[in-house]
Structure formats: structure tokens, C-alpha cells
Amino acid sequence: MAKTTTWKITDLTCYPQSAGQTDVVFQIKWMCTVNYLSSDGEVGFQQKQAGSCELSYSEGDPFTPYADLTEDQVWGWVDAQIDRPSIEAQLNSEIDAQVTPTQVNPPLPWAS
């Protein structure tokens, strides 16, 4: 049994024109997925968290044209605003609670 963690940029939202530039990113949407894999490699449990980060651009700031953006550059913007290890820890904790529950709700003893 193993866990896998995947981070993904899911969307970039842009202003068509802003401060003398074209396609200026102002919002980044991201997703973190943790999968708990069974011994046969199938996903047994999964937890996800999505979020977004807001950016601002002012005329004269360094600017990378949209077509030249790299995933690493965009993750740099996201990482400046979120705590990835904390998000992963929370999702892993939620998976652990599914795998080894600390509370259960069995059927009522008198229910058939």
C-alpha cells in the first residue's frame, strides 16, 4: 500500500489587456490529489484540495509573455502564497482516517 501525491495547475485566468501587456495572468487555479493505492495498484482512497491564487501586475514590473510561461514559473507564484507541505499533511491525515478510522457508525443493533 502506498500513497501518491499529485499537484497540478488547472487553469490560468488572464486579462486580455492590462498595463500595456497582453494576456496578463491574474488568477491561478491549482489542485492537490493524494491517492492511497492498494497492493494491486488500484486507488482505494482519494482526497483532493483545490485552490486559487490571485496575482497583480503593474506597468513596469517584470513580465513574461503568456506563451513563454513555464509551469515552474507559475508554481513559483503559487508557492509564494500557499503552504504545500501543510496541504499535503492535511490530505494525508484525511486518508489515514479513512484507512484506519478512529470512529465508526455500525448499524443499529435492532435494525434488520
N, C-alpha and C. Protein backbone atom coordinates (compact mmCIF):
# COMPACT_ATOMS: atom_id res chain seq x y z
N MET A 1 0.84 -1.16 0.00
CA MET A 1 0.00 0.00 0.00
C MET A 1 0.90 1.24 0.00
N ALA A 2 0.52 2.19 -0.82
CA ALA A 2 1.34 3.39 -0.96
C ALA A 2 0.44 4.59 -1.23
N LYS A 3 0.98 5.74 -0.95
CA LYS A 3 0.27 6.99 -1.25
C LYS A 3 1.02 7.71 -2.37
N THR A 4 0.27 8.34 -3.24
CA THR A 4 0.86 9.20 -4.26
C THR A 4 0.25 10.59 -4.13
N THR A 5 1.06 11.60 -4.36
CA THR A 5 0.59 12.98 -4.30
C THR A 5 0.87 13.63 -5.65
N THR A 6 -0.17 14.28 -6.19
CA THR A 6 -0.04 14.95 -7.48
C THR A 6 -0.51 16.39 -7.34
N TRP A 7 0.33 17.31 -7.78
CA TRP A 7 -0.02 18.73 -7.83
C TRP A 7 -0.20 19.11 -9.29
N LYS A 8 -1.22 19.92 -9.56
CA LYS A 8 -1.50 20.29 -10.94
C LYS A 8 -2.03 21.73 -11.00
N ILE A 9 -1.53 22.49 -11.95
CA ILE A 9 -2.12 23.78 -12.28
C ILE A 9 -3.29 23.46 -13.19
N THR A 10 -4.50 23.90 -12.81
CA THR A 10 -5.68 23.53 -13.59
C THR A 10 -6.19 24.64 -14.49
N ASP A 11 -5.80 25.90 -14.21
CA ASP A 11 -6.32 26.98 -15.03
C ASP A 11 -5.55 28.27 -14.76
N LEU A 12 -5.38 29.06 -15.78
CA LEU A 12 -4.83 30.41 -15.66
C LEU A 12 -5.86 31.36 -16.24
N THR A 13 -6.26 32.36 -15.46
CA THR A 13 -7.22 33.35 -15.94
C THR A 13 -6.46 34.65 -16.18
N CYS A 14 -6.72 35.27 -17.33
CA CYS A 14 -5.96 36.44 -17.75
C CYS A 14 -6.87 37.62 -18.08
N TYR A 15 -6.29 38.81 -17.94
CA TYR A 15 -6.87 40.00 -18.54
C TYR A 15 -6.36 40.04 -19.97
N PRO A 16 -7.24 40.24 -20.96
CA PRO A 16 -6.76 40.30 -22.35
C PRO A 16 -5.72 41.41 -22.55
N GLN A 17 -5.95 42.56 -21.89
CA GLN A 17 -5.03 43.69 -21.95
C GLN A 17 -4.95 44.30 -20.55
N SER A 18 -3.74 44.57 -20.08
CA SER A 18 -3.58 45.22 -18.78
C SER A 18 -2.20 45.85 -18.70
N ALA A 19 -2.16 47.08 -18.28
CA ALA A 19 -0.91 47.81 -18.05
C ALA A 19 0.06 47.67 -19.22
N GLY A 20 -0.48 47.75 -20.44
CA GLY A 20 0.36 47.71 -21.63
C GLY A 20 0.80 46.32 -22.06
N GLN A 21 0.29 45.27 -21.42
CA GLN A 21 0.65 43.90 -21.78
C GLN A 21 -0.60 43.14 -22.23
N THR A 22 -0.37 41.99 -22.89
CA THR A 22 -1.45 41.14 -23.38
C THR A 22 -1.46 39.83 -22.58
N ASP A 23 -2.67 39.33 -22.32
CA ASP A 23 -2.86 38.07 -21.60
C ASP A 23 -2.09 38.07 -20.28
N VAL A 24 -2.49 38.95 -19.39
CA VAL A 24 -1.84 39.12 -18.09
C VAL A 24 -2.55 38.22 -17.08
N VAL A 25 -1.83 37.23 -16.56
CA VAL A 25 -2.41 36.29 -15.61
C VAL A 25 -2.73 37.01 -14.30
N PHE A 26 -3.98 36.83 -13.83
CA PHE A 26 -4.34 37.41 -12.53
C PHE A 26 -4.88 36.36 -11.56
N GLN A 27 -5.15 35.15 -12.06
CA GLN A 27 -5.61 34.09 -11.17
C GLN A 27 -5.05 32.75 -11.64
N ILE A 28 -4.56 31.97 -10.67
CA ILE A 28 -4.03 30.64 -10.93
C ILE A 28 -4.86 29.66 -10.10
N LYS A 29 -5.42 28.65 -10.75
CA LYS A 29 -6.15 27.61 -10.04
C LYS A 29 -5.28 26.36 -10.01
N TRP A 30 -5.29 25.69 -8.84
CA TRP A 30 -4.44 24.51 -8.65
C TRP A 30 -5.23 23.41 -7.95
N MET A 31 -4.70 22.19 -8.01
CA MET A 31 -5.33 21.03 -7.37
C MET A 31 -4.24 20.13 -6.82
N CYS A 32 -4.45 19.66 -5.59
CA CYS A 32 -3.58 18.65 -4.99
C CYS A 32 -4.43 17.40 -4.77
N THR A 33 -3.93 16.25 -5.23
CA THR A 33 -4.63 14.98 -5.07
C THR A 33 -3.71 13.99 -4.39
N VAL A 34 -4.21 13.36 -3.32
CA VAL A 34 -3.48 12.28 -2.66
C VAL A 34 -4.29 11.00 -2.85
N ASN A 35 -3.65 9.99 -3.41
CA ASN A 35 -4.28 8.68 -3.61
C ASN A 35 -3.62 7.66 -2.69
N TYR A 36 -4.44 6.82 -2.10
CA TYR A 36 -3.95 5.67 -1.33
C TYR A 36 -4.16 4.46 -2.21
N LEU A 37 -3.07 3.84 -2.61
CA LEU A 37 -3.13 2.73 -3.55
C LEU A 37 -3.09 1.40 -2.80
N SER A 38 -3.96 0.48 -3.23
CA SER A 38 -3.95 -0.86 -2.65
C SER A 38 -2.76 -1.64 -3.21
N SER A 39 -2.57 -2.84 -2.71
CA SER A 39 -1.42 -3.66 -3.13
C SER A 39 -1.46 -3.97 -4.63
N ASP A 40 -2.64 -3.94 -5.24
CA ASP A 40 -2.72 -4.20 -6.69
C ASP A 40 -2.65 -2.92 -7.51
N GLY A 41 -2.36 -1.80 -6.85
CA GLY A 41 -2.16 -0.53 -7.55
C GLY A 41 -3.43 0.26 -7.80
N GLU A 42 -4.57 -0.26 -7.34
CA GLU A 42 -5.83 0.45 -7.51
C GLU A 42 -5.98 1.54 -6.45
N VAL A 43 -6.68 2.61 -6.79
CA VAL A 43 -6.92 3.68 -5.83
C VAL A 43 -7.98 3.21 -4.83
N GLY A 44 -7.57 3.14 -3.57
CA GLY A 44 -8.50 2.72 -2.52
C GLY A 44 -9.20 3.91 -1.91
N PHE A 45 -8.46 4.99 -1.64
CA PHE A 45 -9.00 6.21 -1.07
C PHE A 45 -8.35 7.39 -1.78
N GLN A 46 -9.09 8.50 -1.83
CA GLN A 46 -8.56 9.68 -2.51
C GLN A 46 -9.06 10.93 -1.78
N GLN A 47 -8.19 11.89 -1.64
CA GLN A 47 -8.54 13.20 -1.11
C GLN A 47 -7.98 14.26 -2.05
N LYS A 48 -8.76 15.33 -2.23
CA LYS A 48 -8.33 16.42 -3.11
C LYS A 48 -8.55 17.75 -2.41
N GLN A 49 -7.71 18.69 -2.76
CA GLN A 49 -7.94 20.08 -2.36
C GLN A 49 -7.62 20.96 -3.54
N ALA A 50 -8.55 21.87 -3.83
CA ALA A 50 -8.35 22.83 -4.91
C ALA A 50 -8.24 24.21 -4.29
N GLY A 51 -7.57 25.08 -5.00
CA GLY A 51 -7.45 26.45 -4.53
C GLY A 51 -7.08 27.38 -5.67
N SER A 52 -6.99 28.64 -5.33
CA SER A 52 -6.58 29.61 -6.33
C SER A 52 -5.74 30.69 -5.68
N CYS A 53 -4.93 31.31 -6.48
CA CYS A 53 -4.06 32.40 -6.05
C CYS A 53 -4.32 33.59 -6.96
N GLU A 54 -4.32 34.75 -6.36
CA GLU A 54 -4.52 35.99 -7.12
C GLU A 54 -3.17 36.67 -7.33
N LEU A 55 -3.01 37.25 -8.51
CA LEU A 55 -1.80 37.99 -8.86
C LEU A 55 -2.18 39.39 -9.29
N SER A 56 -1.22 40.28 -9.19
CA SER A 56 -1.43 41.62 -9.73
C SER A 56 -0.19 42.00 -10.53
N TYR A 57 -0.43 42.75 -11.56
CA TYR A 57 0.67 43.22 -12.40
C TYR A 57 0.57 44.73 -12.51
N SER A 58 1.68 45.40 -12.33
CA SER A 58 1.74 46.85 -12.51
C SER A 58 2.70 47.16 -13.65
N GLU A 59 2.35 48.14 -14.41
CA GLU A 59 3.19 48.54 -15.53
C GLU A 59 4.62 48.76 -15.06
N GLY A 60 5.57 48.17 -15.78
CA GLY A 60 6.98 48.29 -15.44
C GLY A 60 7.52 47.10 -14.65
N ASP A 61 6.62 46.30 -14.05
CA ASP A 61 7.07 45.08 -13.37
C ASP A 61 7.64 44.10 -14.40
N PRO A 62 8.52 43.20 -13.99
CA PRO A 62 8.97 42.16 -14.93
C PRO A 62 7.75 41.41 -15.47
N PHE A 63 7.78 41.09 -16.74
CA PHE A 63 6.63 40.44 -17.37
C PHE A 63 7.12 39.35 -18.31
N THR A 64 6.49 38.19 -18.21
CA THR A 64 6.76 37.09 -19.14
C THR A 64 5.53 36.92 -20.01
N PRO A 65 5.68 36.98 -21.33
CA PRO A 65 4.52 36.76 -22.20
C PRO A 65 3.87 35.40 -21.91
N TYR A 66 2.56 35.36 -22.02
CA TYR A 66 1.80 34.15 -21.69
C TYR A 66 2.39 32.92 -22.38
N ALA A 67 2.70 33.01 -23.65
CA ALA A 67 3.21 31.86 -24.41
C ALA A 67 4.56 31.38 -23.89
N ASP A 68 5.27 32.23 -23.15
CA ASP A 68 6.60 31.87 -22.64
C ASP A 68 6.59 31.42 -21.18
N LEU A 69 5.41 31.43 -20.53
CA LEU A 69 5.34 30.98 -19.14
C LEU A 69 5.70 29.50 -19.04
N THR A 70 6.38 29.15 -17.97
CA THR A 70 6.68 27.74 -17.72
C THR A 70 5.90 27.31 -16.48
N GLU A 71 5.68 26.02 -16.36
CA GLU A 71 4.98 25.50 -15.19
C GLU A 71 5.76 25.82 -13.92
N ASP A 72 7.07 25.71 -13.98
CA ASP A 72 7.90 26.03 -12.81
C ASP A 72 7.72 27.50 -12.38
N GLN A 73 7.66 28.40 -13.35
CA GLN A 73 7.48 29.81 -13.02
C GLN A 73 6.13 30.03 -12.34
N VAL A 74 5.08 29.41 -12.88
CA VAL A 74 3.75 29.58 -12.29
C VAL A 74 3.70 28.96 -10.90
N TRP A 75 4.33 27.79 -10.71
CA TRP A 75 4.38 27.20 -9.37
C TRP A 75 5.13 28.11 -8.41
N GLY A 76 6.11 28.82 -8.88
CA GLY A 76 6.81 29.78 -8.02
C GLY A 76 5.86 30.85 -7.49
N TRP A 77 4.95 31.32 -8.35
CA TRP A 77 3.96 32.30 -7.91
C TRP A 77 3.01 31.68 -6.88
N VAL A 78 2.60 30.44 -7.14
CA VAL A 78 1.68 29.76 -6.21
C VAL A 78 2.38 29.51 -4.88
N ASP A 79 3.60 28.98 -4.94
CA ASP A 79 4.33 28.63 -3.71
C ASP A 79 4.58 29.84 -2.82
N ALA A 80 4.59 31.02 -3.40
CA ALA A 80 4.76 32.23 -2.60
C ALA A 80 3.51 32.52 -1.76
N GLN A 81 2.39 31.86 -2.10
CA GLN A 81 1.13 32.16 -1.43
C GLN A 81 0.54 31.00 -0.63
N ILE A 82 0.97 29.78 -0.90
CA ILE A 82 0.39 28.64 -0.18
C ILE A 82 1.48 27.82 0.49
N ASP A 83 1.07 26.97 1.41
CA ASP A 83 1.99 26.09 2.12
C ASP A 83 1.72 24.65 1.67
N ARG A 84 2.42 24.24 0.61
CA ARG A 84 2.18 22.90 0.06
C ARG A 84 2.39 21.79 1.07
N PRO A 85 3.47 21.80 1.89
CA PRO A 85 3.62 20.71 2.86
C PRO A 85 2.44 20.61 3.83
N SER A 86 1.88 21.74 4.23
CA SER A 86 0.74 21.73 5.14
C SER A 86 -0.50 21.13 4.46
N ILE A 87 -0.72 21.48 3.22
CA ILE A 87 -1.85 20.93 2.46
C ILE A 87 -1.70 19.43 2.30
N GLU A 88 -0.48 18.98 1.94
CA GLU A 88 -0.24 17.54 1.80
C GLU A 88 -0.45 16.82 3.13
N ALA A 89 0.03 17.41 4.22
CA ALA A 89 -0.13 16.79 5.54
C ALA A 89 -1.62 16.63 5.88
N GLN A 90 -2.41 17.65 5.60
CA GLN A 90 -3.85 17.59 5.88
C GLN A 90 -4.51 16.48 5.06
N LEU A 91 -4.21 16.42 3.78
CA LEU A 91 -4.81 15.39 2.92
C LEU A 91 -4.36 14.00 3.34
N ASN A 92 -3.08 13.86 3.71
CA ASN A 92 -2.60 12.56 4.19
C ASN A 92 -3.30 12.16 5.47
N SER A 93 -3.54 13.11 6.36
CA SER A 93 -4.26 12.83 7.60
C SER A 93 -5.69 12.36 7.31
N GLU A 94 -6.34 12.99 6.34
CA GLU A 94 -7.69 12.59 5.95
C GLU A 94 -7.70 11.17 5.37
N ILE A 95 -6.69 10.86 4.57
CA ILE A 95 -6.57 9.49 4.03
C ILE A 95 -6.36 8.50 5.18
N ASP A 96 -5.45 8.82 6.10
CA ASP A 96 -5.19 7.92 7.23
C ASP A 96 -6.45 7.65 8.02
N ALA A 97 -7.29 8.67 8.19
CA ALA A 97 -8.54 8.49 8.93
C ALA A 97 -9.51 7.58 8.19
N GLN A 98 -9.41 7.55 6.87
CA GLN A 98 -10.25 6.64 6.09
C GLN A 98 -9.72 5.21 6.17
N VAL A 99 -8.40 5.08 6.09
CA VAL A 99 -7.78 3.76 6.10
C VAL A 99 -7.95 3.10 7.47
N THR A 100 -7.72 3.86 8.53
CA THR A 100 -7.82 3.35 9.90
C THR A 100 -8.73 4.30 10.69
N PRO A 101 -10.05 4.10 10.57
CA PRO A 101 -10.97 5.02 11.22
C PRO A 101 -10.84 4.98 12.74
N THR A 102 -10.98 6.12 13.36
CA THR A 102 -10.97 6.20 14.82
C THR A 102 -12.40 6.23 15.36
N GLN A 103 -13.37 6.39 14.46
CA GLN A 103 -14.78 6.36 14.83
C GLN A 103 -15.52 5.59 13.75
N VAL A 104 -16.54 4.84 14.15
CA VAL A 104 -17.38 4.12 13.19
C VAL A 104 -18.83 4.29 13.59
N ASN A 105 -19.72 4.05 12.67
CA ASN A 105 -21.16 4.09 12.90
C ASN A 105 -21.76 2.78 12.42
N PRO A 106 -21.67 1.72 13.25
CA PRO A 106 -22.25 0.44 12.82
C PRO A 106 -23.77 0.55 12.77
N PRO A 107 -24.40 -0.39 12.08
CA PRO A 107 -25.86 -0.37 12.05
C PRO A 107 -26.43 -0.52 13.46
N LEU A 108 -27.60 0.03 13.66
CA LEU A 108 -28.24 -0.12 14.97
C LEU A 108 -28.48 -1.61 15.26
N PRO A 109 -28.25 -2.04 16.49
CA PRO A 109 -28.34 -3.48 16.79
C PRO A 109 -29.73 -4.07 16.54
N TRP A 110 -30.75 -3.27 16.60
CA TRP A 110 -32.10 -3.80 16.40
C TRP A 110 -32.58 -3.69 14.98
N ALA A 111 -31.77 -3.06 14.08
CA ALA A 111 -32.14 -2.96 12.67
C ALA A 111 -31.86 -4.28 11.98
N SER A 112 -32.75 -4.66 11.08
CA SER A 112 -32.52 -5.93 10.38
C SER A 112 -31.85 -5.73 9.06
